[in-house]
Amino acid sequence: MNRRLDSASNIWITGASSGIGEAVTRELVQQGHRLVITGRRRDALDQLCTHAPDRMKAAPADTTDREALQAISAELEAFGNLDMAILNAGTCEYLEIAEYDSSIIDHNVTTNVVGTARCLDIALPALRRTARQGRPATLVIVSSSAWWFPFGRAEGYGASKAALTYFAHALRADLAAEGIDVVVVSPGFVKTPLTDRNDFPMPFLVSADDAAQRIVSGLRNGKREIAFPKRFTWTLRLLGALPQVIIDRMAASMSRQSRKEQESSE
């Protein structure tokens, strides 16, 4: 029987200062949970904490910085045993193939994969202490549905999210015996400061508040895979099930069309 979020829980959220992380923070604090929130901008975290100063604590850190994370490790249990860690911090940088630069791949992988992995250095020991007491312990990793289809310019972002999802699924297998549940969140396009920079149409775009409600609802309902919006994610799944030769042709055609649209707008 699922017991996630059925009572006031102690939760750590990364990437909480904007976008999906901020919206999830607001949703959870409205529901009475106690939150430790992490991001790189202390001022934004402090502002969020004004919503419930007795149930929120700012723990600023760059998730790619191992020492910075170790410095806030004790904060994760500021309100008691850690019930849930929502590892959401990430980035999205696109690659212009005509000006190939491997640093774009590096930035995506370092932030999205390595940063998440480093968060586990401090989150996993805390979740294990909770699980050993017979309480539900949940690790939530926010990935993306983007890697289900090979979109042009998304080599770095898509590869990082594919790696992140595999990482999460392997963790789920390894942590099952310890009673630690692993949840993967795979959103489609969500309106955030990151997607505001996109220069292409974003089908089935949802607001950050809508995304937060879907994520929290999925967690409460015991889901291990939370993907939304369904019209977009099922379309990607169906496309991904096509023969590879057809996928390659479609992806190349979409990439050429995207370049033409970009050139015409310049």
Protein backbone atom coordinates (compact mmCIF):
# COMPACT_ATOMS: atom_id res chain seq x y z
CA MET A 1 0.00 0.00 0.00
CA ASN A 2 1.41 3.38 -1.01
CA ARG A 3 2.13 5.83 1.80
CA ARG A 4 3.87 8.59 -0.14
CA LEU A 5 2.86 12.09 0.92
CA ASP A 6 -0.12 10.80 2.94
CA SER A 7 1.10 12.88 5.88
CA ALA A 8 3.49 15.80 6.34
CA SER A 9 6.78 14.65 4.81
CA ASN A 10 10.35 15.91 4.90
CA ILE A 11 11.49 16.55 1.33
CA TRP A 12 14.66 17.82 -0.34
CA ILE A 13 14.21 19.53 -3.73
CA THR A 14 17.04 20.61 -6.03
CA GLY A 15 16.66 23.18 -8.77
CA ALA A 16 14.05 24.81 -6.57
CA SER A 17 14.73 28.43 -7.44
CA SER A 18 12.88 28.45 -10.78
CA GLY A 19 10.85 26.46 -13.30
CA ILE A 20 9.50 23.04 -12.39
CA GLY A 21 11.43 22.94 -9.12
CA GLU A 22 9.92 26.20 -7.90
CA ALA A 23 6.41 25.12 -8.90
CA VAL A 24 6.78 21.74 -7.17
CA THR A 25 8.07 23.54 -4.08
CA ARG A 26 5.00 25.77 -3.99
CA GLU A 27 2.66 22.83 -4.53
CA LEU A 28 4.20 20.75 -1.74
CA VAL A 29 4.42 23.54 0.79
CA GLN A 30 0.74 24.36 0.19
CA GLN A 31 -0.02 20.76 1.11
CA GLY A 32 1.75 21.06 4.45
CA HIS A 33 5.05 19.31 3.76
CA ARG A 34 8.42 20.38 5.18
CA LEU A 35 10.97 21.31 2.56
CA VAL A 36 14.71 21.81 2.26
CA ILE A 37 15.24 23.62 -1.03
CA THR A 38 18.45 23.86 -3.02
CA GLY A 39 19.48 26.06 -5.92
CA ARG A 40 22.37 28.32 -6.81
CA ARG A 41 20.61 31.62 -6.00
CA ARG A 42 20.14 32.17 -2.28
CA ASP A 43 17.95 35.24 -2.78
CA ALA A 44 15.40 33.23 -4.78
CA LEU A 45 15.42 30.43 -2.20
CA ASP A 46 15.01 32.87 0.67
CA GLN A 47 12.06 34.47 -1.10
CA LEU A 48 10.40 31.07 -1.48
CA CYS A 49 10.93 30.34 2.20
CA THR A 50 8.78 33.33 3.16
CA HIS A 51 5.72 31.25 2.18
CA ALA A 52 6.22 28.97 5.19
CA PRO A 53 9.35 29.92 7.16
CA ASP A 54 8.64 27.33 9.85
CA ARG A 55 8.48 24.50 7.28
CA MET A 56 11.07 25.58 4.73
CA LYS A 57 14.83 25.85 4.82
CA ALA A 58 17.15 27.21 2.12
CA ALA A 59 20.27 25.18 1.41
CA PRO A 60 21.98 26.90 -1.53
CA ALA A 61 24.47 24.84 -3.53
CA ASP A 62 25.62 24.06 -7.04
CA THR A 63 24.72 20.41 -7.54
CA THR A 64 27.79 19.84 -9.71
CA ASP A 65 30.05 20.89 -6.81
CA ARG A 66 30.77 17.92 -4.55
CA GLU A 67 32.17 20.06 -1.72
CA ALA A 68 29.21 22.45 -1.80
CA LEU A 69 26.84 19.51 -1.51
CA GLN A 70 28.76 18.01 1.39
CA ALA A 71 28.49 21.37 3.15
CA ILE A 72 24.68 21.16 3.15
CA SER A 73 24.39 17.41 3.89
CA ALA A 74 23.24 17.96 7.47
CA GLU A 75 20.51 20.34 6.30
CA LEU A 76 18.67 17.51 4.51
CA GLU A 77 17.46 16.25 7.89
CA ALA A 78 16.75 19.68 9.36
CA PHE A 79 13.12 18.65 9.98
CA GLY A 80 13.81 15.00 10.82
CA ASN A 81 14.36 11.90 8.74
CA LEU A 82 14.35 12.57 4.99
CA ASP A 83 11.32 10.98 3.35
CA MET A 84 11.85 12.06 -0.23
CA ALA A 85 14.52 13.61 -2.45
CA ILE A 86 13.40 15.26 -5.68
CA LEU A 87 16.48 15.72 -7.85
CA ASN A 88 15.31 18.22 -10.42
CA ALA A 89 18.27 20.54 -11.10
CA GLY A 90 19.22 20.53 -14.76
CA THR A 91 19.98 22.49 -17.89
CA CYS A 92 19.23 22.40 -21.61
CA GLU A 93 21.74 23.61 -24.17
CA TYR A 94 21.34 22.99 -27.88
CA LEU A 95 24.09 22.17 -30.37
CA GLU A 96 24.50 23.99 -33.67
CA ILE A 97 26.02 21.26 -35.82
CA ALA A 98 27.63 23.73 -38.25
CA GLU A 99 29.61 25.08 -35.31
CA TYR A 100 30.11 21.85 -33.42
CA ASP A 101 31.39 22.41 -29.88
CA SER A 102 31.83 19.46 -27.53
CA SER A 103 31.52 21.78 -24.52
CA ILE A 104 27.74 21.81 -25.17
CA ILE A 105 27.68 18.05 -24.62
CA ASP A 106 29.88 18.49 -21.56
CA HIS A 107 27.61 21.11 -19.96
CA ASN A 108 24.48 19.02 -20.43
CA VAL A 109 26.00 15.80 -19.13
CA THR A 110 27.80 17.46 -16.21
CA THR A 111 24.71 19.27 -14.94
CA ASN A 112 22.02 16.70 -15.71
CA VAL A 113 23.83 13.44 -15.04
CA VAL A 114 26.90 14.11 -12.91
CA GLY A 115 25.10 16.74 -10.82
CA THR A 116 22.27 14.32 -10.08
CA ALA A 117 24.72 11.55 -9.25
CA ARG A 118 26.58 13.81 -6.84
CA CYS A 119 23.34 14.71 -5.08
CA LEU A 120 23.02 11.03 -4.20
CA ASP A 121 26.26 11.25 -2.22
CA ILE A 122 24.27 13.07 0.45
CA ALA A 123 20.68 12.03 -0.30
CA LEU A 124 21.17 8.27 -0.30
CA PRO A 125 22.59 7.96 3.24
CA ALA A 126 19.67 10.05 4.55
CA LEU A 127 17.07 7.99 2.66
CA ARG A 128 18.67 4.79 3.92
CA ARG A 129 18.29 5.95 7.51
CA THR A 130 14.60 6.52 6.85
CA ALA A 131 14.10 3.15 5.15
CA ARG A 132 15.80 1.31 8.01
CA GLN A 133 13.10 2.68 10.30
CA GLY A 134 10.44 1.04 8.14
CA ARG A 135 9.25 4.34 6.71
CA PRO A 136 8.72 4.99 2.98
CA ALA A 137 11.80 6.51 1.37
CA THR A 138 11.54 7.84 -2.17
CA LEU A 139 14.09 9.08 -4.67
CA VAL A 140 12.61 11.14 -7.51
CA ILE A 141 14.71 11.89 -10.58
CA VAL A 142 13.40 14.43 -13.07
CA SER A 143 14.42 13.40 -16.58
CA SER A 144 12.64 14.22 -19.85
CA SER A 145 10.69 12.57 -22.64
CA ALA A 146 12.88 14.36 -25.21
CA TRP A 147 15.33 11.48 -25.58
CA TRP A 148 12.61 9.12 -26.86
CA PHE A 149 13.06 10.57 -30.36
CA PRO A 150 16.30 11.91 -31.92
CA PHE A 151 15.56 15.60 -32.29
CA GLY A 152 18.10 17.69 -34.17
CA ARG A 153 20.26 20.05 -32.06
CA ALA A 154 19.41 18.02 -28.94
CA GLU A 155 22.43 15.71 -29.06
CA GLY A 156 23.74 16.86 -25.69
CA TYR A 157 20.42 17.33 -23.91
CA GLY A 158 18.82 14.14 -25.20
CA ALA A 159 21.90 12.05 -24.48
CA SER A 160 22.10 13.40 -20.94
CA LYS A 161 18.45 12.61 -20.25
CA ALA A 162 18.75 9.12 -21.76
CA ALA A 163 21.70 8.49 -19.45
CA LEU A 164 19.82 9.94 -16.50
CA THR A 165 16.81 7.67 -17.08
CA TYR A 166 19.00 4.57 -17.39
CA PHE A 167 20.80 5.64 -14.21
CA ALA A 168 17.47 5.93 -12.40
CA HIS A 169 16.17 2.58 -13.61
CA ALA A 170 19.39 0.83 -12.57
CA LEU A 171 19.18 2.50 -9.17
CA ARG A 172 15.59 1.25 -8.86
CA ALA A 173 16.83 -2.31 -9.31
CA ASP A 174 19.71 -1.94 -6.86
CA LEU A 175 17.73 -0.10 -4.17
CA ALA A 176 14.62 -2.28 -4.25
CA ALA A 177 15.99 -4.64 -1.61
CA GLU A 178 16.56 -1.67 0.72
CA GLY A 179 12.98 -0.44 0.41
CA ILE A 180 13.92 2.79 -1.36
CA ASP A 181 11.56 3.57 -4.22
CA VAL A 182 12.88 5.30 -7.34
CA VAL A 183 10.55 7.44 -9.47
CA VAL A 184 11.35 8.81 -12.92
CA VAL A 185 9.59 11.96 -14.12
CA SER A 186 9.57 12.48 -17.90
CA PRO A 187 7.90 15.77 -18.82
CA GLY A 188 7.26 17.06 -22.30
CA PHE A 189 7.58 20.79 -22.93
CA VAL A 190 7.01 22.86 -19.78
CA LYS A 191 7.01 26.65 -19.80
CA THR A 192 10.05 27.65 -17.73
CA PRO A 193 12.92 30.15 -18.05
CA LEU A 194 14.83 27.40 -19.90
CA THR A 195 12.14 26.72 -22.50
CA ASP A 196 11.46 30.45 -22.89
CA ARG A 197 14.77 30.52 -24.78
CA ASN A 198 13.64 27.94 -27.34
CA ASP A 199 13.34 29.25 -30.90
CA PHE A 200 11.02 26.53 -32.20
CA PRO A 201 7.36 25.49 -31.72
CA MET A 202 6.73 23.46 -28.56
CA PRO A 203 3.68 21.21 -29.00
CA PHE A 204 1.41 20.56 -26.03
CA LEU A 205 3.27 23.08 -23.86
CA VAL A 206 2.09 23.02 -20.23
CA SER A 207 2.65 25.54 -17.46
CA ALA A 208 5.06 24.89 -14.61
CA ASP A 209 2.13 24.88 -12.17
CA ASP A 210 0.34 22.25 -14.26
CA ALA A 211 3.52 20.16 -14.36
CA ALA A 212 3.92 20.43 -10.59
CA GLN A 213 0.36 19.27 -9.97
CA ARG A 214 0.86 16.26 -12.24
CA ILE A 215 4.13 15.33 -10.56
CA VAL A 216 2.79 15.61 -7.02
CA SER A 217 -0.38 13.73 -7.95
CA GLY A 218 1.68 10.96 -9.53
CA LEU A 219 3.86 10.68 -6.45
CA ARG A 220 0.86 10.53 -4.16
CA ASN A 221 -0.72 7.83 -6.31
CA GLY A 222 2.34 5.61 -6.07
CA LYS A 223 3.52 5.89 -9.65
CA ARG A 224 7.10 5.00 -10.50
CA GLU A 225 6.93 6.52 -13.99
CA ILE A 226 5.35 9.95 -14.38
CA ALA A 227 5.18 11.13 -18.00
CA PHE A 228 3.10 14.03 -19.31
CA PRO A 229 1.28 15.44 -21.19
CA LYS A 230 -0.06 12.13 -22.49
CA ARG A 231 -0.78 13.37 -26.02
CA PHE A 232 2.87 14.32 -26.43
CA THR A 233 4.51 11.43 -24.62
CA TRP A 234 2.41 8.78 -26.35
CA THR A 235 3.16 10.36 -29.72
CA LEU A 236 6.88 10.12 -28.97
CA ARG A 237 6.52 6.51 -27.83
CA LEU A 238 4.71 5.60 -31.04
CA LEU A 239 7.30 7.36 -33.18
CA GLY A 240 10.07 5.62 -31.28
CA ALA A 241 8.50 2.24 -32.06
CA LEU A 242 8.82 2.76 -35.82
CA PRO A 243 11.59 1.03 -37.80
CA GLN A 244 14.88 2.88 -37.34
CA VAL A 245 15.16 3.77 -41.02
CA ILE A 246 11.83 5.64 -40.82
CA ILE A 247 12.86 7.36 -37.58
CA ASP A 248 16.10 8.50 -39.24
CA ARG A 249 14.28 9.96 -42.23
CA MET A 250 11.73 11.76 -40.07
CA ALA A 251 14.38 13.17 -37.74
CA ALA A 252 16.51 14.41 -40.65
CA SER A 253 13.47 16.00 -42.31
CA MET A 254 12.44 17.75 -39.09
CA SER A 255 16.00 18.99 -38.58
CA ARG A 256 16.17 20.47 -42.09
CA GLN A 257 12.78 22.14 -41.60
CA SER A 258 13.88 23.57 -38.26
CA ARG A 259 17.02 25.06 -39.82
CA LYS A 260 15.00 26.65 -42.64
CA GLU A 261 12.58 28.22 -40.15
CA GLN A 262 15.47 29.53 -38.08
CA GLU A 263 17.21 31.03 -41.13
CA SER A 264 14.01 32.69 -42.33
CA SER A 265 13.50 34.38 -38.97
CA GLU A 266 17.00 35.87 -38.93
